[in-house]
Amino acid sequence: MSSKSLKSLIIVCAALFGSTGTASAFGLTFEWGPTKKCFDPKSPPAKLVDVPKGTKKLRFKLTDLDAVGYPHGGDTISYAGKNSFPYGAFHYTGPCPPSPHTYMLSVEALDAGGKTLAKADARKRFP
């Protein structure tokens, strides 16, 4: 596929799937950081970008993509404009796989009434 064709395909996909304005750019990154022990209840360091206007709470959830049924849970925290979250900013049941697993950390930006304004997720292997 030529560079021009690939660029056109990307533009079409963006138009079809990313037409929700600011919320479509909402993003999440995280590092396992100081997470070392099994089932560490403290969250890894995380960063958000382009949090939608009107966000009052953030709902985080961890999913083990290799054992989807395991209840890692998550936490909902107040949002006051800070986009960088240190180790332990929220509580959940951390990873403890018998072998390396891929995990997805998800976040939902919620308005004052609890309506979801945007969603983002990031994936990383542990350990």
C-alpha atoms as a PDB file:
ATOM      1  CA  MET A   1       0.000   0.000   0.000  1.00  0.00           C
ATOM      2  CA  SER A   2       1.411   3.387  -0.911  1.00  0.00           C
ATOM      3  CA  SER A   3       2.007   6.100   1.659  1.00  0.00           C
ATOM      4  CA  LYS A   4      -0.723   8.224   0.035  1.00  0.00           C
ATOM      5  CA  SER A   5      -3.254   5.340   0.168  1.00  0.00           C
ATOM      6  CA  LEU A   6      -2.418   4.639   3.812  1.00  0.00           C
ATOM      7  CA  LYS A   7      -2.853   8.316   4.705  1.00  0.00           C
ATOM      8  CA  SER A   8      -6.257   8.366   2.937  1.00  0.00           C
ATOM      9  CA  LEU A   9      -7.340   5.228   4.813  1.00  0.00           C
ATOM     10  CA  ILE A  10      -6.338   6.789   8.146  1.00  0.00           C
ATOM     11  CA  ILE A  11      -8.320   9.943   7.374  1.00  0.00           C
ATOM     12  CA  VAL A  12     -11.435   7.913   6.452  1.00  0.00           C
ATOM     13  CA  CYS A  13     -11.151   5.804   9.627  1.00  0.00           C
ATOM     14  CA  ALA A  14     -10.721   8.915  11.750  1.00  0.00           C
ATOM     15  CA  ALA A  15     -13.808  10.461  10.177  1.00  0.00           C
ATOM     16  CA  LEU A  16     -15.878   7.330  10.764  1.00  0.00           C
ATOM     17  CA  PHE A  17     -14.732   6.448  14.275  1.00  0.00           C
ATOM     18  CA  GLY A  18     -13.392   9.641  15.797  1.00  0.00           C
ATOM     19  CA  SER A  19     -16.039  12.213  15.130  1.00  0.00           C
ATOM     20  CA  THR A  20     -16.982  12.913  18.735  1.00  0.00           C
ATOM     21  CA  GLY A  21     -14.966  16.132  19.085  1.00  0.00           C
ATOM     22  CA  THR A  22     -12.710  16.666  22.080  1.00  0.00           C
ATOM     23  CA  ALA A  23     -13.697  13.404  23.758  1.00  0.00           C
ATOM     24  CA  SER A  24     -12.281  11.371  20.877  1.00  0.00           C
ATOM     25  CA  ALA A  25      -8.757  12.546  21.752  1.00  0.00           C
ATOM     26  CA  PHE A  26      -9.073  11.508  25.424  1.00  0.00           C
ATOM     27  CA  GLY A  27      -6.104   9.308  26.208  1.00  0.00           C
ATOM     28  CA  LEU A  28      -4.433   7.331  28.976  1.00  0.00           C
ATOM     29  CA  THR A  29      -0.894   6.086  29.548  1.00  0.00           C
ATOM     30  CA  PHE A  30       0.507   4.272  32.563  1.00  0.00           C
ATOM     31  CA  GLU A  31       3.639   2.558  33.832  1.00  0.00           C
ATOM     32  CA  TRP A  32       3.760  -0.291  36.293  1.00  0.00           C
ATOM     33  CA  GLY A  33       6.179   1.923  38.189  1.00  0.00           C
ATOM     34  CA  PRO A  34       6.785   0.796  41.741  1.00  0.00           C
ATOM     35  CA  THR A  35       4.208  -2.028  41.476  1.00  0.00           C
ATOM     36  CA  LYS A  36       6.181  -5.070  42.578  1.00  0.00           C
ATOM     37  CA  LYS A  37       4.223  -7.245  44.959  1.00  0.00           C
ATOM     38  CA  CYS A  38       1.305  -9.472  44.053  1.00  0.00           C
ATOM     39  CA  PHE A  39      -2.139  -7.892  44.310  1.00  0.00           C
ATOM     40  CA  ASP A  40      -0.680  -4.475  45.181  1.00  0.00           C
ATOM     41  CA  PRO A  41      -3.755  -2.373  46.111  1.00  0.00           C
ATOM     42  CA  LYS A  42      -2.091   0.866  44.956  1.00  0.00           C
ATOM     43  CA  SER A  43      -2.552   1.955  41.360  1.00  0.00           C
ATOM     44  CA  PRO A  44       0.339   2.430  38.967  1.00  0.00           C
ATOM     45  CA  PRO A  45       1.365   5.970  37.920  1.00  0.00           C
ATOM     46  CA  ALA A  46      -0.923   7.202  35.127  1.00  0.00           C
ATOM     47  CA  LYS A  47      -1.321  10.218  32.848  1.00  0.00           C
ATOM     48  CA  LEU A  48      -4.357  11.525  30.977  1.00  0.00           C
ATOM     49  CA  VAL A  49      -4.529  13.829  27.971  1.00  0.00           C
ATOM     50  CA  ASP A  50      -7.418  15.896  26.627  1.00  0.00           C
ATOM     51  CA  VAL A  51      -9.800  15.248  29.521  1.00  0.00           C
ATOM     52  CA  PRO A  52     -13.251  16.462  28.387  1.00  0.00           C
ATOM     53  CA  LYS A  53     -14.650  19.698  29.782  1.00  0.00           C
ATOM     54  CA  GLY A  54     -17.183  19.055  32.529  1.00  0.00           C
ATOM     55  CA  THR A  55     -15.347  16.025  33.942  1.00  0.00           C
ATOM     56  CA  LYS A  56     -15.944  15.773  37.697  1.00  0.00           C
ATOM     57  CA  LYS A  57     -14.928  12.149  38.375  1.00  0.00           C
ATOM     58  CA  LEU A  58     -12.711   9.495  36.849  1.00  0.00           C
ATOM     59  CA  ARG A  59     -13.603   5.809  37.033  1.00  0.00           C
ATOM     60  CA  PHE A  60     -10.608   3.479  36.671  1.00  0.00           C
ATOM     61  CA  LYS A  61     -10.787  -0.287  36.069  1.00  0.00           C
ATOM     62  CA  LEU A  62      -8.132  -2.967  35.535  1.00  0.00           C
ATOM     63  CA  THR A  63      -8.834  -5.986  33.319  1.00  0.00           C
ATOM     64  CA  ASP A  64      -6.524  -8.965  32.812  1.00  0.00           C
ATOM     65  CA  LEU A  65      -6.941  -9.699  29.111  1.00  0.00           C
ATOM     66  CA  ASP A  66      -5.603 -13.236  29.642  1.00  0.00           C
ATOM     67  CA  ALA A  67      -8.029 -13.950  32.529  1.00  0.00           C
ATOM     68  CA  VAL A  68     -10.938 -11.580  31.864  1.00  0.00           C
ATOM     69  CA  GLY A  69     -13.102 -12.986  34.659  1.00  0.00           C
ATOM     70  CA  TYR A  70     -10.648 -12.149  37.437  1.00  0.00           C
ATOM     71  CA  PRO A  71     -12.121  -9.269  39.521  1.00  0.00           C
ATOM     72  CA  HIS A  72      -9.318  -6.669  39.677  1.00  0.00           C
ATOM     73  CA  GLY A  73     -11.903  -3.936  40.081  1.00  0.00           C
ATOM     74  CA  GLY A  74     -10.999  -0.284  40.199  1.00  0.00           C
ATOM     75  CA  ASP A  75     -11.913   2.973  41.835  1.00  0.00           C
ATOM     76  CA  THR A  76     -13.719   6.243  41.160  1.00  0.00           C
ATOM     77  CA  ILE A  77     -11.942   9.430  42.189  1.00  0.00           C
ATOM     78  CA  SER A  78     -12.765  13.137  42.048  1.00  0.00           C
ATOM     79  CA  TYR A  79     -11.224  15.097  39.202  1.00  0.00           C
ATOM     80  CA  ALA A  80     -10.042  18.670  39.741  1.00  0.00           C
ATOM     81  CA  GLY A  81      -7.996  19.271  36.585  1.00  0.00           C
ATOM     82  CA  LYS A  82      -4.898  17.266  37.482  1.00  0.00           C
ATOM     83  CA  ASN A  83      -3.847  14.943  34.638  1.00  0.00           C
ATOM     84  CA  SER A  84      -0.961  13.095  36.266  1.00  0.00           C
ATOM     85  CA  PHE A  85      -1.657  10.502  38.948  1.00  0.00           C
ATOM     86  CA  PRO A  86       1.115   9.104  41.150  1.00  0.00           C
ATOM     87  CA  TYR A  87       1.505   5.549  42.397  1.00  0.00           C
ATOM     88  CA  GLY A  88      -1.396   4.864  44.758  1.00  0.00           C
ATOM     89  CA  ALA A  89      -3.765   7.577  43.461  1.00  0.00           C
ATOM     90  CA  PHE A  90      -6.602   5.047  43.512  1.00  0.00           C
ATOM     91  CA  HIS A  91      -7.174   1.527  44.827  1.00  0.00           C
ATOM     92  CA  TYR A  92      -7.792  -1.737  42.997  1.00  0.00           C
ATOM     93  CA  THR A  93      -6.501  -5.318  43.098  1.00  0.00           C
ATOM     94  CA  GLY A  94      -3.181  -5.242  41.287  1.00  0.00           C
ATOM     95  CA  PRO A  95      -1.769  -7.916  38.985  1.00  0.00           C
ATOM     96  CA  CYS A  96      -0.316 -11.263  40.079  1.00  0.00           C
ATOM     97  CA  PRO A  97      -0.266 -13.567  37.056  1.00  0.00           C
ATOM     98  CA  PRO A  98       1.390 -17.013  37.105  1.00  0.00           C
ATOM     99  CA  SER A  99       3.173 -15.951  33.881  1.00  0.00           C
ATOM    100  CA  PRO A 100       3.267 -12.632  31.980  1.00  0.00           C
ATOM    101  CA  HIS A 101      -0.248 -11.386  31.207  1.00  0.00           C
ATOM    102  CA  THR A 102      -1.534  -8.364  29.300  1.00  0.00           C
ATOM    103  CA  TYR A 103      -3.611  -5.920  31.322  1.00  0.00           C
ATOM    104  CA  MET A 104      -5.892  -3.109  30.224  1.00  0.00           C
ATOM    105  CA  LEU A 105      -6.303  -0.086  32.463  1.00  0.00           C
ATOM    106  CA  SER A 106      -9.465   1.796  31.498  1.00  0.00           C
ATOM    107  CA  VAL A 107     -10.744   5.187  32.597  1.00  0.00           C
ATOM    108  CA  GLU A 108     -14.086   6.878  32.114  1.00  0.00           C
ATOM    109  CA  ALA A 109     -14.497  10.648  32.439  1.00  0.00           C
ATOM    110  CA  LEU A 110     -17.796  11.315  34.234  1.00  0.00           C
ATOM    111  CA  ASP A 111     -19.804  14.517  34.580  1.00  0.00           C
ATOM    112  CA  ALA A 112     -21.440  15.693  37.837  1.00  0.00           C
ATOM    113  CA  GLY A 113     -24.458  13.428  37.216  1.00  0.00           C
ATOM    114  CA  GLY A 114     -22.335  10.341  36.532  1.00  0.00           C
ATOM    115  CA  LYS A 115     -22.808  10.388  32.733  1.00  0.00           C
ATOM    116  CA  THR A 116     -19.812   9.067  30.787  1.00  0.00           C
ATOM    117  CA  LEU A 117     -18.259  11.853  28.716  1.00  0.00           C
ATOM    118  CA  ALA A 118     -15.392   9.801  27.259  1.00  0.00           C
ATOM    119  CA  LYS A 119     -13.479   6.552  27.697  1.00  0.00           C
ATOM    120  CA  ALA A 120      -9.815   5.679  27.238  1.00  0.00           C
ATOM    121  CA  ASP A 121      -7.656   2.635  27.852  1.00  0.00           C
ATOM    122  CA  ALA A 122      -4.045   1.533  27.749  1.00  0.00           C
ATOM    123  CA  ARG A 123      -2.507  -1.958  27.681  1.00  0.00           C
ATOM    124  CA  LYS A 124       0.703  -3.281  29.209  1.00  0.00           C
ATOM    125  CA  ARG A 125       2.191  -6.673  30.069  1.00  0.00           C
ATOM    126  CA  PHE A 126       3.029  -7.583  33.651  1.00  0.00           C
ATOM    127  CA  PRO A 127       5.596  -8.424  34.814  1.00  0.00           C
END
